[in-house]
Amino acid sequence: MQIVVLNHTEVERLLPMSECVEVMAEALTALSSGHMHQPLRMVVRPPDAAGLMGLMPAYRAGERAVYGLKAVCVFPGNTAQGKDAHQGSVMLFSGATGELLALLNASAITAIRTGAVSAVATRLLAREGAGDLAIIGTGVQARSHLAAMACVRPIRRVRVASRAPAHARAFADEQAPQYRFPIEPAASAEAALRGADIIVTATTAAEPIVQCDWVAPGAHINAVGSSIPTTRELDTATIAAAGLFVDRRDSTLNEAGDYLFAMREGAIGPDHIRAEVGELLLGAKTGRRSPDEITLFKSLGLAVEDLAAAEYVYRKAHEQGAGTWVEF
């Protein structure tokens, strides 16, 4: 049989952000309605290693049943070398025979689908006219989230902050020619956040970089950077003050440092999670309650998102003859 191998460039071409937003909306709906299955991710974290490995399996039922597995290494030090911190592959398997169908670049899948999921949450939760965007971080996810936010809200201006001011300036210079709105470097996270009505945190920070006093009433936050129990980007006061929405409850309760720190400090409990994004899409739960409410989407990244993105890219590759097809 043949499998298709799709590299970073090919995945980017076949998975434009605007299309991925709709693919992720469908995947999150399928997850919350019970048509997709995934266990918690398995993380291999040796004490003396420079990075970790995550194994993320998922399954979609139906006439075209399919398994997916993302094997990804996360090496935070890569950013200093100009490389993505996420390295690995997404594998797609037939749900009928178990045969391998495709091998896709995981860095590209992760970057695009993560931004697209935040776009789905922002479309549901941010105020209709929200357009003052703050981005904390200047890496791969900052770039993908800039594109994603522009898909779902009329962005008026962007302020970007980084621990290294030179990185914020470089980000603004690099990205500004691609958009019609101004992109400005901010002197600090606080300077970027004040007055913003859409916020993206996409950092490798272990300790909070967002304080509740800096967040404007009515803002919507996409907290993206931390996906493990031992790190967080938001302080406890921000978590407690916000209406909390998640990609998946079980994952949040076990894996989300932003949630777990606030819970251990006694500020919140499991009932603080208002809904999964899929439940909002199904109409089973309600989102924003008032114009002044702070809403928060805690993104962890799910295997079902990788599966849905890989399946979509695989179908397009088959239709277009894209990628490298090899006997396996």
Protein backbone atom coordinates (compact mmCIF):
# COMPACT_ATOMS: atom_id res chain seq x y z
CA MET A 1 0.00 0.00 0.00
CA GLN A 2 1.00 3.65 -0.32
CA ILE A 3 1.27 6.31 2.34
CA VAL A 4 1.70 10.03 1.83
CA VAL A 5 4.41 12.07 3.55
CA LEU A 6 3.61 15.78 3.90
CA ASN A 7 6.29 18.25 4.95
CA HIS A 8 5.89 21.59 6.75
CA THR A 9 5.40 23.66 3.60
CA GLU A 10 2.89 21.23 2.13
CA VAL A 11 0.82 21.15 5.33
CA GLU A 12 0.76 24.95 5.44
CA ARG A 13 -0.44 25.14 1.84
CA LEU A 14 -3.17 22.53 2.29
CA LEU A 15 -4.39 23.86 5.66
CA PRO A 16 -5.04 27.62 5.39
CA MET A 17 -6.06 29.21 8.67
CA SER A 18 -9.53 30.23 7.50
CA GLU A 19 -10.32 26.63 6.50
CA CYS A 20 -8.77 25.18 9.65
CA VAL A 21 -11.06 27.32 11.84
CA GLU A 22 -14.07 25.48 10.43
CA VAL A 23 -12.32 22.09 10.67
CA MET A 24 -11.64 22.73 14.37
CA ALA A 25 -15.22 23.85 15.04
CA GLU A 26 -16.43 20.56 13.59
CA ALA A 27 -13.89 18.54 15.59
CA LEU A 28 -14.76 20.18 18.91
CA THR A 29 -18.46 19.66 18.22
CA ALA A 30 -17.81 15.99 17.46
CA LEU A 31 -15.78 15.59 20.65
CA SER A 32 -18.43 17.10 22.92
CA SER A 33 -21.16 15.07 21.21
CA GLY A 34 -19.28 11.79 21.70
CA HIS A 35 -18.27 11.09 18.09
CA MET A 36 -14.55 11.42 18.75
CA HIS A 37 -12.55 9.69 21.46
CA GLN A 38 -9.25 10.46 23.10
CA PRO A 39 -7.50 9.48 26.34
CA LEU A 40 -5.30 11.88 28.25
CA ARG A 41 -1.95 12.47 26.60
CA MET A 42 1.04 10.50 27.81
CA VAL A 43 4.10 12.61 28.61
CA VAL A 44 7.64 11.23 28.83
CA ARG A 45 9.66 13.67 30.95
CA PRO A 46 13.07 12.24 31.98
CA PRO A 47 14.60 14.31 34.80
CA ASP A 48 17.84 15.03 32.96
CA ALA A 49 16.43 15.61 29.46
CA ALA A 50 16.41 18.93 27.61
CA GLY A 51 12.80 18.40 26.51
CA LEU A 52 9.84 16.09 26.77
CA MET A 53 7.88 13.80 24.48
CA GLY A 54 4.10 13.75 24.30
CA LEU A 55 2.04 10.94 22.79
CA MET A 56 -1.47 12.01 21.80
CA PRO A 57 -3.82 9.37 20.33
CA ALA A 58 -7.40 9.91 19.13
CA TYR A 59 -10.16 8.13 17.20
CA ARG A 60 -13.04 9.26 15.02
CA ALA A 61 -15.99 6.89 14.59
CA GLY A 62 -18.25 6.64 11.55
CA GLU A 63 -18.18 5.36 7.98
CA ARG A 64 -14.66 6.65 7.49
CA ALA A 65 -13.32 5.72 10.91
CA VAL A 66 -9.76 6.81 11.50
CA TYR A 67 -7.10 6.75 14.21
CA GLY A 68 -4.59 9.50 14.74
CA LEU A 69 -1.41 9.68 16.82
CA LYS A 70 0.77 12.72 17.35
CA ALA A 71 4.24 12.03 18.68
CA VAL A 72 5.72 15.38 19.52
CA CYS A 73 8.85 16.52 21.33
CA VAL A 74 8.72 19.86 23.12
CA PHE A 75 12.11 21.54 23.49
CA PRO A 76 11.71 25.12 24.82
CA GLY A 77 15.38 25.84 24.12
CA ASN A 78 14.77 25.50 20.39
CA THR A 79 13.46 29.05 20.16
CA ALA A 80 16.94 30.42 20.88
CA GLN A 81 18.12 28.54 17.78
CA GLY A 82 15.30 29.88 15.60
CA LYS A 83 13.51 26.52 15.63
CA ASP A 84 9.98 25.60 16.62
CA ALA A 85 9.79 24.24 20.17
CA HIS A 86 7.42 21.53 18.88
CA GLN A 87 8.98 18.80 16.73
CA GLY A 88 7.40 15.57 15.61
CA SER A 89 4.83 13.93 13.37
CA VAL A 90 1.15 13.18 13.13
CA MET A 91 0.26 9.71 11.87
CA LEU A 92 -3.10 8.81 10.37
CA PHE A 93 -4.35 5.20 10.37
CA SER A 94 -7.34 3.51 8.77
CA GLY A 95 -10.07 2.75 11.31
CA ALA A 96 -11.08 -0.28 9.22
CA THR A 97 -7.74 -2.07 8.81
CA GLY A 98 -5.26 -0.16 10.99
CA GLU A 99 -3.03 0.54 7.99
CA LEU A 100 -0.90 3.68 8.08
CA LEU A 101 -2.26 6.28 5.65
CA ALA A 102 -0.20 9.40 6.18
CA LEU A 103 2.75 10.96 7.99
CA LEU A 104 2.49 14.73 8.47
CA ASN A 105 4.77 17.39 9.91
CA ALA A 106 3.54 18.01 13.46
CA SER A 107 5.04 21.49 13.84
CA ALA A 108 2.85 22.82 11.04
CA ILE A 109 -0.26 20.97 12.22
CA THR A 110 0.23 22.18 15.81
CA ALA A 111 0.84 25.81 14.86
CA ILE A 112 -2.18 26.11 12.60
CA ARG A 113 -4.73 24.09 14.53
CA THR A 114 -3.88 25.74 17.85
CA GLY A 115 -4.48 29.19 16.42
CA ALA A 116 -7.64 27.97 14.72
CA VAL A 117 -9.08 26.57 17.97
CA SER A 118 -8.45 29.90 19.70
CA ALA A 119 -10.21 31.57 16.77
CA VAL A 120 -13.26 29.35 17.30
CA ALA A 121 -13.31 30.29 21.00
CA THR A 122 -12.82 33.98 20.19
CA ARG A 123 -15.62 33.93 17.65
CA LEU A 124 -17.93 32.53 20.32
CA LEU A 125 -16.77 34.54 23.34
CA ALA A 126 -15.19 37.87 22.40
CA ARG A 127 -17.42 40.90 22.08
CA GLU A 128 -18.68 41.41 18.53
CA GLY A 129 -16.69 44.57 17.84
CA ALA A 130 -13.54 43.53 19.71
CA GLY A 131 -10.47 44.54 17.74
CA ASP A 132 -7.71 45.76 20.06
CA LEU A 133 -5.43 42.72 20.22
CA ALA A 134 -2.58 42.10 22.66
CA ILE A 135 -0.17 39.23 22.03
CA ILE A 136 2.32 38.19 24.70
CA GLY A 137 5.04 36.15 23.05
CA THR A 138 6.74 36.33 19.66
CA GLY A 139 7.20 32.72 18.62
CA VAL A 140 5.41 30.35 16.28
CA GLN A 141 2.12 30.50 18.16
CA ALA A 142 2.17 34.30 18.27
CA ARG A 143 2.36 34.34 14.48
CA SER A 144 -0.37 31.76 13.99
CA HIS A 145 -2.65 33.48 16.50
CA LEU A 146 -2.25 36.82 14.78
CA ALA A 147 -3.52 35.20 11.58
CA ALA A 148 -6.25 33.35 13.46
CA MET A 149 -7.61 36.40 15.30
CA ALA A 150 -7.75 38.32 12.02
CA CYS A 151 -10.03 35.60 10.64
CA VAL A 152 -12.77 36.13 13.24
CA ARG A 153 -12.68 39.74 14.45
CA PRO A 154 -12.12 43.14 12.81
CA ILE A 155 -8.67 43.81 14.24
CA ARG A 156 -7.91 47.52 14.57
CA ARG A 157 -4.44 47.37 16.11
CA VAL A 158 -2.04 44.88 17.68
CA ARG A 159 0.41 45.37 20.53
CA VAL A 160 2.99 42.64 21.06
CA ALA A 161 5.24 42.14 24.08
CA SER A 162 8.17 39.87 24.81
CA ARG A 163 10.66 39.40 27.62
CA ALA A 164 13.21 40.56 25.04
CA PRO A 165 12.06 43.93 23.64
CA ALA A 166 14.11 43.35 20.49
CA HIS A 167 12.00 40.30 19.72
CA ALA A 168 8.80 42.35 19.95
CA ARG A 169 10.24 44.94 17.57
CA ALA A 170 11.37 42.24 15.14
CA PHE A 171 7.95 40.58 15.28
CA ALA A 172 6.17 43.85 14.51
CA ASP A 173 8.54 44.64 11.63
CA GLU A 174 8.16 41.16 10.17
CA GLN A 175 4.37 40.88 10.45
CA ALA A 176 3.20 44.44 9.74
CA PRO A 177 3.58 44.25 5.92
CA GLN A 178 1.20 41.26 5.85
CA TYR A 179 -1.74 43.07 7.47
CA ARG A 180 -3.71 46.28 7.02
CA PHE A 181 -3.79 47.15 10.73
CA PRO A 182 -0.85 48.52 12.74
CA ILE A 183 1.32 46.13 14.76
CA GLU A 184 3.30 47.83 17.51
CA PRO A 185 5.91 46.55 19.98
CA ALA A 186 4.96 47.22 23.60
CA ALA A 187 7.43 48.00 26.36
CA SER A 188 5.98 45.36 28.69
CA ALA A 189 3.19 42.83 29.07
CA GLU A 190 1.26 45.36 31.12
CA ALA A 191 1.57 48.00 28.41
CA ALA A 192 0.30 45.54 25.79
CA LEU A 193 -2.61 44.32 27.90
CA ARG A 194 -4.09 47.57 29.18
CA GLY A 195 -7.17 48.43 27.12
CA ALA A 196 -6.99 45.30 24.95
CA ASP A 197 -10.27 43.48 24.33
CA ILE A 198 -8.66 40.35 22.85
CA ILE A 199 -5.59 38.85 24.54
CA VAL A 200 -3.36 35.96 23.49
CA THR A 201 -0.68 34.58 25.79
CA ALA A 202 1.68 32.31 23.87
CA THR A 203 4.84 32.03 25.94
CA THR A 204 7.07 29.48 27.63
CA ALA A 205 6.67 31.24 30.99
CA ALA A 206 6.56 29.10 34.12
CA GLU A 207 5.21 31.89 36.36
CA PRO A 208 2.33 34.32 35.70
CA ILE A 209 2.95 37.04 33.14
CA VAL A 210 -0.63 38.39 33.32
CA GLN A 211 -2.06 40.17 36.36
CA CYS A 212 -5.77 40.66 36.72
CA ASP A 213 -5.42 44.42 37.28
CA TRP A 214 -4.03 44.76 33.74
CA VAL A 215 -7.04 43.09 32.07
CA ALA A 216 -9.82 45.39 30.90
CA PRO A 217 -13.49 44.62 31.69
CA GLY A 218 -15.04 42.71 28.80
CA ALA A 219 -11.75 41.35 27.47
CA HIS A 220 -11.46 37.86 26.06
CA ILE A 221 -8.27 35.91 26.82
CA ASN A 222 -6.83 32.93 24.93
CA ALA A 223 -4.27 31.33 27.29
CA VAL A 224 -2.17 29.12 25.05
CA GLY A 225 1.41 28.80 26.26
CA SER A 226 1.17 26.39 29.20
CA SER A 227 0.02 22.83 28.51
CA ILE A 228 1.47 21.07 31.56
CA PRO A 229 0.51 21.09 35.27
CA THR A 230 3.68 22.81 36.49
CA THR A 231 3.57 26.09 34.54
CA ARG A 232 1.10 28.94 34.16
CA GLU A 233 0.79 32.27 32.39
CA LEU A 234 -2.13 33.83 34.31
CA ASP A 235 -2.27 34.78 37.97
CA THR A 236 -4.89 33.23 40.22
CA ALA A 237 -6.92 36.44 40.39
CA THR A 238 -7.37 36.43 36.61
CA ILE A 239 -8.51 32.80 36.58
CA ALA A 240 -10.97 33.45 39.41
CA ALA A 241 -12.37 36.64 37.87
CA ALA A 242 -12.99 35.18 34.40
CA GLY A 243 -15.68 32.98 32.95
CA LEU A 244 -13.59 29.88 32.14
CA PHE A 245 -14.07 27.87 28.95
CA VAL A 246 -11.92 24.92 27.89
CA ASP A 247 -11.28 22.58 25.01
CA ARG A 248 -11.92 19.53 27.23
CA ARG A 249 -12.82 19.32 30.91
CA ASP A 250 -10.93 16.14 31.73
CA SER A 251 -7.75 17.46 30.18
CA THR A 252 -8.05 20.76 32.06
CA LEU A 253 -8.57 19.06 35.41
CA ASN A 254 -5.46 16.94 34.91
CA GLU A 255 -3.08 18.98 32.77
CA ALA A 256 -3.72 22.73 32.88
CA GLY A 257 -1.30 24.53 35.19
CA ASP A 258 -3.27 27.79 34.92
CA TYR A 259 -6.32 26.00 36.35
CA LEU A 260 -4.49 23.71 38.79
CA PHE A 261 -2.51 26.44 40.55
CA ALA A 262 -5.67 28.49 41.13
CA MET A 263 -7.50 25.39 42.35
CA ARG A 264 -4.71 24.45 44.79
CA GLU A 265 -4.74 28.00 46.13
CA GLY A 266 -8.45 27.57 46.93
CA ALA A 267 -9.68 30.25 44.53
CA ILE A 268 -11.74 27.97 42.25
CA GLY A 269 -13.13 24.46 41.97
CA PRO A 270 -14.25 22.20 39.09
CA ASP A 271 -17.55 24.07 38.79
CA HIS A 272 -15.59 27.16 37.71
CA ILE A 273 -15.29 25.60 34.25
CA ARG A 274 -18.32 27.06 32.48
CA ALA A 275 -18.28 24.87 29.37
CA GLU A 276 -16.25 23.13 26.71
CA VAL A 277 -16.09 25.03 23.43
CA GLY A 278 -17.83 22.08 21.79
CA GLU A 279 -20.76 22.50 24.18
CA LEU A 280 -21.08 26.12 23.11
CA LEU A 281 -21.08 25.05 19.47
CA LEU A 282 -23.80 22.50 20.19
CA GLY A 283 -25.89 25.13 21.99
CA ALA A 284 -25.84 23.05 25.17
CA LYS A 285 -24.16 25.79 27.22
CA THR A 286 -24.07 29.57 27.05
CA GLY A 287 -21.00 31.75 26.64
CA ARG A 288 -20.46 35.40 27.52
CA ARG A 289 -23.02 36.68 30.03
CA SER A 290 -22.44 40.42 29.82
CA PRO A 291 -20.40 42.99 27.88
CA ASP A 292 -18.15 43.59 30.91
CA GLU A 293 -17.46 39.94 31.72
CA ILE A 294 -13.89 38.73 31.24
CA THR A 295 -13.95 35.47 29.30
CA LEU A 296 -11.06 33.04 29.25
CA PHE A 297 -10.37 30.15 26.91
CA LYS A 298 -7.74 27.84 28.40
CA SER A 299 -6.17 26.03 25.45
CA LEU A 300 -4.36 22.76 26.04
CA GLY A 301 -4.30 21.32 22.54
CA LEU A 302 -6.08 18.05 21.90
CA ALA A 303 -5.31 14.92 19.92
CA VAL A 304 -8.73 15.15 18.24
CA GLU A 305 -7.65 18.52 16.82
CA ASP A 306 -4.51 16.95 15.36
CA LEU A 307 -6.55 14.06 13.98
CA ALA A 308 -9.13 16.35 12.35
CA ALA A 309 -6.44 18.58 10.82
CA ALA A 310 -4.45 15.59 9.54
CA GLU A 311 -7.55 13.95 8.07
CA TYR A 312 -8.48 17.17 6.25
CA VAL A 313 -4.98 17.60 4.86
CA TYR A 314 -4.85 13.94 3.83
CA ARG A 315 -8.08 14.23 1.85
CA LYS A 316 -6.83 17.36 0.05
CA ALA A 317 -3.47 15.74 -0.66
CA HIS A 318 -5.28 12.75 -2.17
CA GLU A 319 -7.47 14.99 -4.33
CA GLN A 320 -4.56 17.16 -5.52
CA GLY A 321 -1.83 14.55 -5.70
CA ALA A 322 0.19 16.56 -3.21
CA GLY A 323 2.96 15.28 -0.99
CA THR A 324 5.29 12.34 -1.52
CA TRP A 325 3.52 9.02 -2.01
CA VAL A 326 5.63 5.99 -1.13
CA GLU A 327 5.16 2.24 -0.86
CA PHE A 328 5.06 1.16 2.78
